[in-house]
Amino acid sequence: MRYVKAFLVVVLVCSLVVPGYAANKVKTSQEIKAIADPILDNILDGFRLDEYLRYSRDFDPALKVVGARTQFFKVSRYMQRVLGGYVSREYMGTLRKGDVVVVLWKGTFDKTSDNVLIKLVLSEKKNRYRVTGLWLQ
C-alpha cells in the first residue's frame, strides 16, 4: 500500500507542477469520455501486461520523471496482488477544475468486492489531451 501512496504522491506533485492548459473548445462530458476511455484502456492494459510504455503512452512528459518506470512496476505488482485483474468500469462523469478535466469511473477488479474509484486528470496541450494525474482509490 505504501508503494501506491508514494506513486500517487509523485503523480499529484507532477500534476501540480505541470502548468495548466485551457481547452480551446469546451467539450461535453460525452466528448471527454470518448477521449478518456482509450487513454484509460492503455493505462489499465499497461498494468495488466506490466508494460510501462503502454501505461505511460498518454502521460504528460512531466510525469515521466526519473524513477517513474521503477515505481510503475512496484505499483503494478501491488495492484495485481491486492486488486487483481481489471474487470469493468462504469462512467460516472467529469469535473472541470480550472484548466483541467477530471474524469471519474467506478471500477471493478477481480480480487476485491469493493468498488474502486478511478480518477483520471487530463489537460489539453497542443490539441492533444495528456494525463496529468491518476488515482485508483
N, C-alpha and C. Protein backbone atom coordinates (compact mmCIF):
# COMPACT_ATOMS: atom_id res chain seq x y z
N MET A 1 0.82 -1.20 0.00
CA MET A 1 0.00 0.00 0.00
C MET A 1 0.86 1.25 0.00
N ARG A 2 2.03 1.19 0.67
CA ARG A 2 2.86 2.38 0.72
C ARG A 2 3.41 2.71 -0.66
N TYR A 3 3.63 1.68 -1.53
CA TYR A 3 4.08 1.97 -2.88
C TYR A 3 3.03 2.74 -3.67
N VAL A 4 1.78 2.34 -3.50
CA VAL A 4 0.69 3.03 -4.19
C VAL A 4 0.63 4.48 -3.72
N LYS A 5 0.72 4.69 -2.41
CA LYS A 5 0.67 6.05 -1.88
C LYS A 5 1.84 6.87 -2.38
N ALA A 6 3.05 6.28 -2.39
CA ALA A 6 4.23 7.00 -2.87
C ALA A 6 4.08 7.35 -4.34
N PHE A 7 3.59 6.40 -5.13
CA PHE A 7 3.40 6.64 -6.55
C PHE A 7 2.37 7.74 -6.78
N LEU A 8 1.29 7.69 -6.03
CA LEU A 8 0.25 8.70 -6.19
C LEU A 8 0.73 10.07 -5.76
N VAL A 9 1.59 10.13 -4.76
CA VAL A 9 2.16 11.41 -4.34
C VAL A 9 3.00 11.99 -5.48
N VAL A 10 3.80 11.15 -6.14
CA VAL A 10 4.59 11.61 -7.28
C VAL A 10 3.69 12.15 -8.37
N VAL A 11 2.63 11.41 -8.68
CA VAL A 11 1.69 11.85 -9.71
C VAL A 11 1.03 13.17 -9.30
N LEU A 12 0.62 13.29 -8.03
CA LEU A 12 -0.02 14.51 -7.56
C LEU A 12 0.93 15.69 -7.67
N VAL A 13 2.16 15.52 -7.22
CA VAL A 13 3.13 16.62 -7.28
C VAL A 13 3.36 17.04 -8.71
N CYS A 14 3.52 16.07 -9.59
CA CYS A 14 3.73 16.39 -11.01
C CYS A 14 2.53 17.09 -11.60
N SER A 15 1.34 16.69 -11.20
CA SER A 15 0.15 17.33 -11.76
C SER A 15 0.02 18.77 -11.28
N LEU A 16 0.55 19.06 -10.10
CA LEU A 16 0.52 20.44 -9.61
C LEU A 16 1.61 21.29 -10.24
N VAL A 17 2.73 20.66 -10.60
CA VAL A 17 3.84 21.38 -11.19
C VAL A 17 3.58 21.68 -12.66
N VAL A 18 2.90 20.77 -13.34
CA VAL A 18 2.63 20.95 -14.76
C VAL A 18 1.70 22.14 -14.94
N PRO A 19 2.10 23.09 -15.78
CA PRO A 19 1.21 24.23 -15.99
C PRO A 19 -0.09 23.78 -16.65
N GLY A 20 -1.17 24.40 -16.27
CA GLY A 20 -2.46 24.06 -16.84
C GLY A 20 -2.59 24.59 -18.25
N TYR A 21 -3.29 23.86 -19.04
CA TYR A 21 -3.53 24.26 -20.42
C TYR A 21 -5.03 24.27 -20.65
N ALA A 22 -5.57 25.43 -20.89
CA ALA A 22 -7.01 25.55 -21.08
C ALA A 22 -7.40 24.90 -22.39
N ALA A 23 -8.49 24.22 -22.39
CA ALA A 23 -9.00 23.61 -23.61
C ALA A 23 -9.46 24.72 -24.55
N ASN A 24 -9.12 24.55 -25.84
CA ASN A 24 -9.52 25.55 -26.82
C ASN A 24 -11.03 25.64 -26.95
N LYS A 25 -11.68 24.51 -26.92
CA LYS A 25 -13.13 24.46 -27.02
C LYS A 25 -13.63 23.60 -25.87
N VAL A 26 -14.62 24.09 -25.17
CA VAL A 26 -15.19 23.31 -24.07
C VAL A 26 -15.91 22.11 -24.68
N LYS A 27 -15.56 20.94 -24.21
CA LYS A 27 -16.16 19.72 -24.72
C LYS A 27 -17.24 19.24 -23.75
N THR A 28 -18.20 18.51 -24.29
CA THR A 28 -19.25 17.94 -23.45
C THR A 28 -18.67 16.77 -22.67
N SER A 29 -19.41 16.33 -21.67
CA SER A 29 -18.99 15.19 -20.86
C SER A 29 -18.81 13.94 -21.74
N GLN A 30 -19.67 13.74 -22.70
CA GLN A 30 -19.56 12.56 -23.57
C GLN A 30 -18.38 12.67 -24.52
N GLU A 31 -18.04 13.88 -24.97
CA GLU A 31 -16.85 14.07 -25.81
C GLU A 31 -15.59 13.77 -25.00
N ILE A 32 -15.56 14.23 -23.77
CA ILE A 32 -14.42 13.95 -22.90
C ILE A 32 -14.32 12.45 -22.64
N LYS A 33 -15.46 11.80 -22.40
CA LYS A 33 -15.46 10.35 -22.18
C LYS A 33 -14.87 9.62 -23.38
N ALA A 34 -15.23 10.05 -24.58
CA ALA A 34 -14.73 9.42 -25.80
C ALA A 34 -13.21 9.58 -25.92
N ILE A 35 -12.67 10.66 -25.40
CA ILE A 35 -11.23 10.90 -25.40
C ILE A 35 -10.57 10.09 -24.28
N ALA A 36 -11.19 10.08 -23.11
CA ALA A 36 -10.58 9.48 -21.91
C ALA A 36 -10.63 7.95 -21.92
N ASP A 37 -11.67 7.35 -22.50
CA ASP A 37 -11.79 5.88 -22.47
C ASP A 37 -10.58 5.17 -23.07
N PRO A 38 -10.12 5.54 -24.28
CA PRO A 38 -8.94 4.84 -24.81
C PRO A 38 -7.66 5.11 -24.02
N ILE A 39 -7.57 6.29 -23.42
CA ILE A 39 -6.42 6.61 -22.58
C ILE A 39 -6.42 5.70 -21.36
N LEU A 40 -7.57 5.57 -20.71
CA LEU A 40 -7.66 4.68 -19.55
C LEU A 40 -7.44 3.22 -19.95
N ASP A 41 -7.92 2.83 -21.12
CA ASP A 41 -7.67 1.46 -21.61
C ASP A 41 -6.17 1.19 -21.69
N ASN A 42 -5.40 2.15 -22.22
CA ASN A 42 -3.94 1.98 -22.29
C ASN A 42 -3.33 1.83 -20.90
N ILE A 43 -3.78 2.65 -19.96
CA ILE A 43 -3.25 2.59 -18.60
C ILE A 43 -3.55 1.24 -17.97
N LEU A 44 -4.79 0.80 -18.06
CA LEU A 44 -5.18 -0.48 -17.46
C LEU A 44 -4.51 -1.65 -18.16
N ASP A 45 -4.38 -1.58 -19.48
CA ASP A 45 -3.65 -2.63 -20.21
C ASP A 45 -2.19 -2.65 -19.80
N GLY A 46 -1.62 -1.47 -19.60
CA GLY A 46 -0.23 -1.40 -19.14
C GLY A 46 -0.04 -2.09 -17.81
N PHE A 47 -0.98 -1.86 -16.88
CA PHE A 47 -0.93 -2.55 -15.59
C PHE A 47 -1.08 -4.06 -15.79
N ARG A 48 -2.06 -4.45 -16.60
CA ARG A 48 -2.34 -5.88 -16.80
C ARG A 48 -1.15 -6.60 -17.43
N LEU A 49 -0.55 -5.96 -18.42
CA LEU A 49 0.56 -6.58 -19.16
C LEU A 49 1.93 -6.25 -18.56
N ASP A 50 1.93 -5.40 -17.51
CA ASP A 50 3.17 -4.97 -16.88
C ASP A 50 4.08 -4.27 -17.89
N GLU A 51 3.47 -3.37 -18.71
CA GLU A 51 4.18 -2.65 -19.76
C GLU A 51 4.14 -1.14 -19.49
N TYR A 52 5.25 -0.62 -19.07
CA TYR A 52 5.34 0.81 -18.73
C TYR A 52 5.05 1.70 -19.94
N LEU A 53 5.56 1.34 -21.11
CA LEU A 53 5.35 2.20 -22.29
C LEU A 53 3.88 2.32 -22.66
N ARG A 54 3.14 1.23 -22.57
CA ARG A 54 1.70 1.29 -22.86
C ARG A 54 1.00 2.13 -21.79
N TYR A 55 1.34 1.86 -20.54
CA TYR A 55 0.75 2.57 -19.40
C TYR A 55 0.97 4.09 -19.51
N SER A 56 2.15 4.50 -19.86
CA SER A 56 2.51 5.93 -19.84
C SER A 56 2.38 6.61 -21.20
N ARG A 57 1.85 5.95 -22.18
CA ARG A 57 1.78 6.47 -23.55
C ARG A 57 1.18 7.88 -23.63
N ASP A 58 0.14 8.14 -22.86
CA ASP A 58 -0.56 9.42 -22.95
C ASP A 58 -0.23 10.36 -21.80
N PHE A 59 0.83 10.08 -21.07
CA PHE A 59 1.21 10.92 -19.94
C PHE A 59 1.88 12.20 -20.42
N ASP A 60 1.67 13.26 -19.66
CA ASP A 60 2.40 14.49 -19.88
C ASP A 60 3.87 14.19 -19.60
N PRO A 61 4.79 14.77 -20.36
CA PRO A 61 6.21 14.50 -20.13
C PRO A 61 6.66 14.72 -18.68
N ALA A 62 6.04 15.64 -17.98
CA ALA A 62 6.42 15.91 -16.59
C ALA A 62 6.16 14.70 -15.68
N LEU A 63 5.28 13.79 -16.08
CA LEU A 63 5.02 12.60 -15.27
C LEU A 63 6.04 11.49 -15.52
N LYS A 64 6.79 11.64 -16.58
CA LYS A 64 7.79 10.62 -16.92
C LYS A 64 9.14 11.00 -16.31
N VAL A 65 9.14 11.18 -15.00
CA VAL A 65 10.34 11.59 -14.28
C VAL A 65 11.23 10.40 -14.01
N VAL A 66 12.46 10.68 -13.63
CA VAL A 66 13.40 9.63 -13.27
C VAL A 66 12.81 8.79 -12.14
N GLY A 67 12.85 7.51 -12.30
CA GLY A 67 12.33 6.60 -11.29
C GLY A 67 10.88 6.22 -11.48
N ALA A 68 10.17 6.90 -12.39
CA ALA A 68 8.75 6.59 -12.60
C ALA A 68 8.56 5.17 -13.13
N ARG A 69 9.47 4.73 -13.98
CA ARG A 69 9.36 3.38 -14.55
C ARG A 69 9.51 2.33 -13.44
N THR A 70 10.49 2.48 -12.58
CA THR A 70 10.69 1.55 -11.47
C THR A 70 9.49 1.55 -10.54
N GLN A 71 9.00 2.74 -10.24
CA GLN A 71 7.84 2.86 -9.35
C GLN A 71 6.61 2.20 -9.98
N PHE A 72 6.47 2.35 -11.30
CA PHE A 72 5.35 1.72 -12.00
C PHE A 72 5.32 0.22 -11.75
N PHE A 73 6.45 -0.45 -11.87
CA PHE A 73 6.48 -1.90 -11.70
C PHE A 73 6.12 -2.31 -10.27
N LYS A 74 6.53 -1.54 -9.29
CA LYS A 74 6.15 -1.82 -7.91
C LYS A 74 4.65 -1.67 -7.72
N VAL A 75 4.10 -0.59 -8.24
CA VAL A 75 2.66 -0.34 -8.11
C VAL A 75 1.86 -1.38 -8.90
N SER A 76 2.31 -1.70 -10.10
CA SER A 76 1.63 -2.68 -10.94
C SER A 76 1.53 -4.03 -10.24
N ARG A 77 2.62 -4.47 -9.68
CA ARG A 77 2.61 -5.76 -8.98
C ARG A 77 1.74 -5.71 -7.73
N TYR A 78 1.78 -4.59 -7.02
CA TYR A 78 0.93 -4.43 -5.85
C TYR A 78 -0.55 -4.49 -6.26
N MET A 79 -0.90 -3.76 -7.32
CA MET A 79 -2.30 -3.75 -7.77
C MET A 79 -2.75 -5.14 -8.17
N GLN A 80 -1.91 -5.86 -8.89
CA GLN A 80 -2.27 -7.21 -9.32
C GLN A 80 -2.45 -8.13 -8.12
N ARG A 81 -1.64 -7.94 -7.09
CA ARG A 81 -1.74 -8.78 -5.90
C ARG A 81 -2.97 -8.43 -5.04
N VAL A 82 -3.26 -7.13 -4.89
CA VAL A 82 -4.33 -6.69 -3.99
C VAL A 82 -5.67 -6.53 -4.71
N LEU A 83 -5.69 -5.85 -5.83
CA LEU A 83 -6.95 -5.62 -6.54
C LEU A 83 -7.25 -6.74 -7.53
N GLY A 84 -6.20 -7.32 -8.09
CA GLY A 84 -6.40 -8.34 -9.10
C GLY A 84 -6.52 -7.72 -10.48
N GLY A 85 -7.11 -8.47 -11.36
CA GLY A 85 -7.27 -8.00 -12.73
C GLY A 85 -8.47 -7.08 -12.87
N TYR A 86 -8.34 -6.16 -13.79
CA TYR A 86 -9.44 -5.25 -14.11
C TYR A 86 -10.57 -6.04 -14.76
N VAL A 87 -11.81 -5.78 -14.30
CA VAL A 87 -12.98 -6.48 -14.84
C VAL A 87 -13.83 -5.53 -15.67
N SER A 88 -14.24 -4.42 -15.07
CA SER A 88 -15.12 -3.50 -15.79
C SER A 88 -15.09 -2.13 -15.11
N ARG A 89 -15.76 -1.17 -15.76
CA ARG A 89 -15.89 0.16 -15.17
C ARG A 89 -17.20 0.79 -15.61
N GLU A 90 -17.66 1.70 -14.78
CA GLU A 90 -18.88 2.45 -15.06
C GLU A 90 -18.53 3.93 -15.04
N TYR A 91 -18.80 4.60 -16.15
CA TYR A 91 -18.51 6.03 -16.26
C TYR A 91 -19.42 6.81 -15.32
N MET A 92 -18.80 7.70 -14.53
CA MET A 92 -19.57 8.49 -13.57
C MET A 92 -19.70 9.95 -13.97
N GLY A 93 -18.80 10.45 -14.79
CA GLY A 93 -18.91 11.84 -15.24
C GLY A 93 -17.57 12.55 -15.21
N THR A 94 -17.65 13.86 -15.46
CA THR A 94 -16.45 14.69 -15.49
C THR A 94 -16.62 15.88 -14.55
N LEU A 95 -15.50 16.37 -14.11
CA LEU A 95 -15.44 17.60 -13.32
C LEU A 95 -14.43 18.51 -13.99
N ARG A 96 -14.77 19.76 -14.09
CA ARG A 96 -13.81 20.72 -14.62
C ARG A 96 -13.31 21.55 -13.47
N LYS A 97 -12.01 21.63 -13.37
CA LYS A 97 -11.40 22.41 -12.29
C LYS A 97 -10.29 23.24 -12.92
N GLY A 98 -10.58 24.51 -13.10
CA GLY A 98 -9.60 25.37 -13.76
C GLY A 98 -9.34 24.90 -15.17
N ASP A 99 -8.07 24.63 -15.45
CA ASP A 99 -7.66 24.25 -16.79
C ASP A 99 -7.60 22.75 -17.02
N VAL A 100 -8.12 21.98 -16.08
CA VAL A 100 -8.05 20.53 -16.21
C VAL A 100 -9.44 19.91 -16.17
N VAL A 101 -9.51 18.69 -16.69
CA VAL A 101 -10.74 17.92 -16.65
C VAL A 101 -10.45 16.64 -15.86
N VAL A 102 -11.29 16.35 -14.90
CA VAL A 102 -11.18 15.13 -14.10
C VAL A 102 -12.28 14.20 -14.57
N VAL A 103 -11.90 12.99 -14.95
CA VAL A 103 -12.86 12.00 -15.44
C VAL A 103 -12.94 10.89 -14.40
N LEU A 104 -14.17 10.52 -14.03
CA LEU A 104 -14.39 9.55 -12.95
C LEU A 104 -15.10 8.30 -13.44
N TRP A 105 -14.62 7.15 -12.96
CA TRP A 105 -15.27 5.86 -13.22
C TRP A 105 -15.34 5.08 -11.91
N LYS A 106 -16.30 4.21 -11.82
CA LYS A 106 -16.37 3.23 -10.73
C LYS A 106 -15.85 1.93 -11.34
N GLY A 107 -14.73 1.44 -10.81
CA GLY A 107 -14.09 0.26 -11.38
C GLY A 107 -14.34 -0.99 -10.56
N THR A 108 -14.29 -2.12 -11.24
CA THR A 108 -14.42 -3.42 -10.61
C THR A 108 -13.17 -4.24 -10.94
N PHE A 109 -12.59 -4.86 -9.91
CA PHE A 109 -11.42 -5.71 -10.07
C PHE A 109 -11.74 -7.07 -9.45
N ASP A 110 -11.05 -8.11 -9.92
CA ASP A 110 -11.48 -9.46 -9.55
C ASP A 110 -11.04 -9.97 -8.17
N LYS A 111 -10.16 -9.28 -7.46
CA LYS A 111 -9.74 -9.74 -6.14
C LYS A 111 -10.35 -8.93 -5.00
N THR A 112 -11.24 -8.04 -5.31
CA THR A 112 -11.89 -7.25 -4.26
C THR A 112 -13.36 -7.08 -4.60
N SER A 113 -14.18 -7.09 -3.56
CA SER A 113 -15.60 -6.83 -3.78
C SER A 113 -15.91 -5.34 -3.67
N ASP A 114 -14.92 -4.57 -3.24
CA ASP A 114 -15.11 -3.11 -3.12
C ASP A 114 -15.06 -2.46 -4.49
N ASN A 115 -15.82 -1.38 -4.63
CA ASN A 115 -15.69 -0.55 -5.83
C ASN A 115 -14.39 0.23 -5.72
N VAL A 116 -13.80 0.52 -6.85
CA VAL A 116 -12.57 1.30 -6.90
C VAL A 116 -12.85 2.56 -7.70
N LEU A 117 -12.62 3.71 -7.09
CA LEU A 117 -12.78 4.97 -7.79
C LEU A 117 -11.56 5.20 -8.66
N ILE A 118 -11.80 5.36 -9.95
CA ILE A 118 -10.71 5.66 -10.89
C ILE A 118 -10.87 7.12 -11.28
N LYS A 119 -9.83 7.89 -10.98
CA LYS A 119 -9.86 9.33 -11.27
C LYS A 119 -8.71 9.65 -12.21
N LEU A 120 -9.03 10.11 -13.42
CA LEU A 120 -8.04 10.44 -14.43
C LEU A 120 -8.09 11.94 -14.67
N VAL A 121 -6.95 12.60 -14.53
CA VAL A 121 -6.87 14.05 -14.71
C VAL A 121 -6.20 14.31 -16.06
N LEU A 122 -6.89 15.07 -16.90
CA LEU A 122 -6.40 15.37 -18.25
C LEU A 122 -6.24 16.87 -18.45
N SER A 123 -5.21 17.23 -19.19
CA SER A 123 -5.00 18.62 -19.61
C SER A 123 -4.77 18.61 -21.11
N GLU A 124 -5.30 19.61 -21.81
CA GLU A 124 -5.09 19.69 -23.25
C GLU A 124 -3.88 20.55 -23.54
N LYS A 125 -3.00 20.02 -24.37
CA LYS A 125 -1.79 20.73 -24.77
C LYS A 125 -1.56 20.43 -26.25
N LYS A 126 -1.48 21.46 -27.04
CA LYS A 126 -1.25 21.30 -28.48
C LYS A 126 -2.31 20.39 -29.10
N ASN A 127 -3.56 20.64 -28.76
CA ASN A 127 -4.71 19.91 -29.30
C ASN A 127 -4.69 18.41 -28.99
N ARG A 128 -4.01 18.03 -27.92
CA ARG A 128 -3.99 16.62 -27.50
C ARG A 128 -4.12 16.58 -25.99
N TYR A 129 -4.98 15.68 -25.51
CA TYR A 129 -5.14 15.52 -24.08
C TYR A 129 -4.04 14.63 -23.53
N ARG A 130 -3.45 15.07 -22.42
CA ARG A 130 -2.38 14.34 -21.75
C ARG A 130 -2.78 14.07 -20.30
N VAL A 131 -2.35 12.95 -19.78
CA VAL A 131 -2.62 12.59 -18.39
C VAL A 131 -1.69 13.42 -17.49
N THR A 132 -2.30 14.13 -16.55
CA THR A 132 -1.50 14.87 -15.57
C THR A 132 -1.79 14.38 -14.15
N GLY A 133 -2.64 13.39 -14.01
CA GLY A 133 -2.91 12.80 -12.70
C GLY A 133 -3.71 11.52 -12.84
N LEU A 134 -3.50 10.59 -11.92
CA LEU A 134 -4.20 9.31 -11.94
C LEU A 134 -4.30 8.80 -10.51
N TRP A 135 -5.50 8.41 -10.11
CA TRP A 135 -5.74 7.85 -8.78
C TRP A 135 -6.64 6.63 -8.93
N LEU A 136 -6.32 5.59 -8.19
CA LEU A 136 -7.20 4.43 -8.04
C LEU A 136 -7.42 4.32 -6.54
N GLN A 137 -8.64 4.61 -6.09
CA GLN A 137 -8.92 4.64 -4.66
C GLN A 137 -9.98 3.62 -4.30
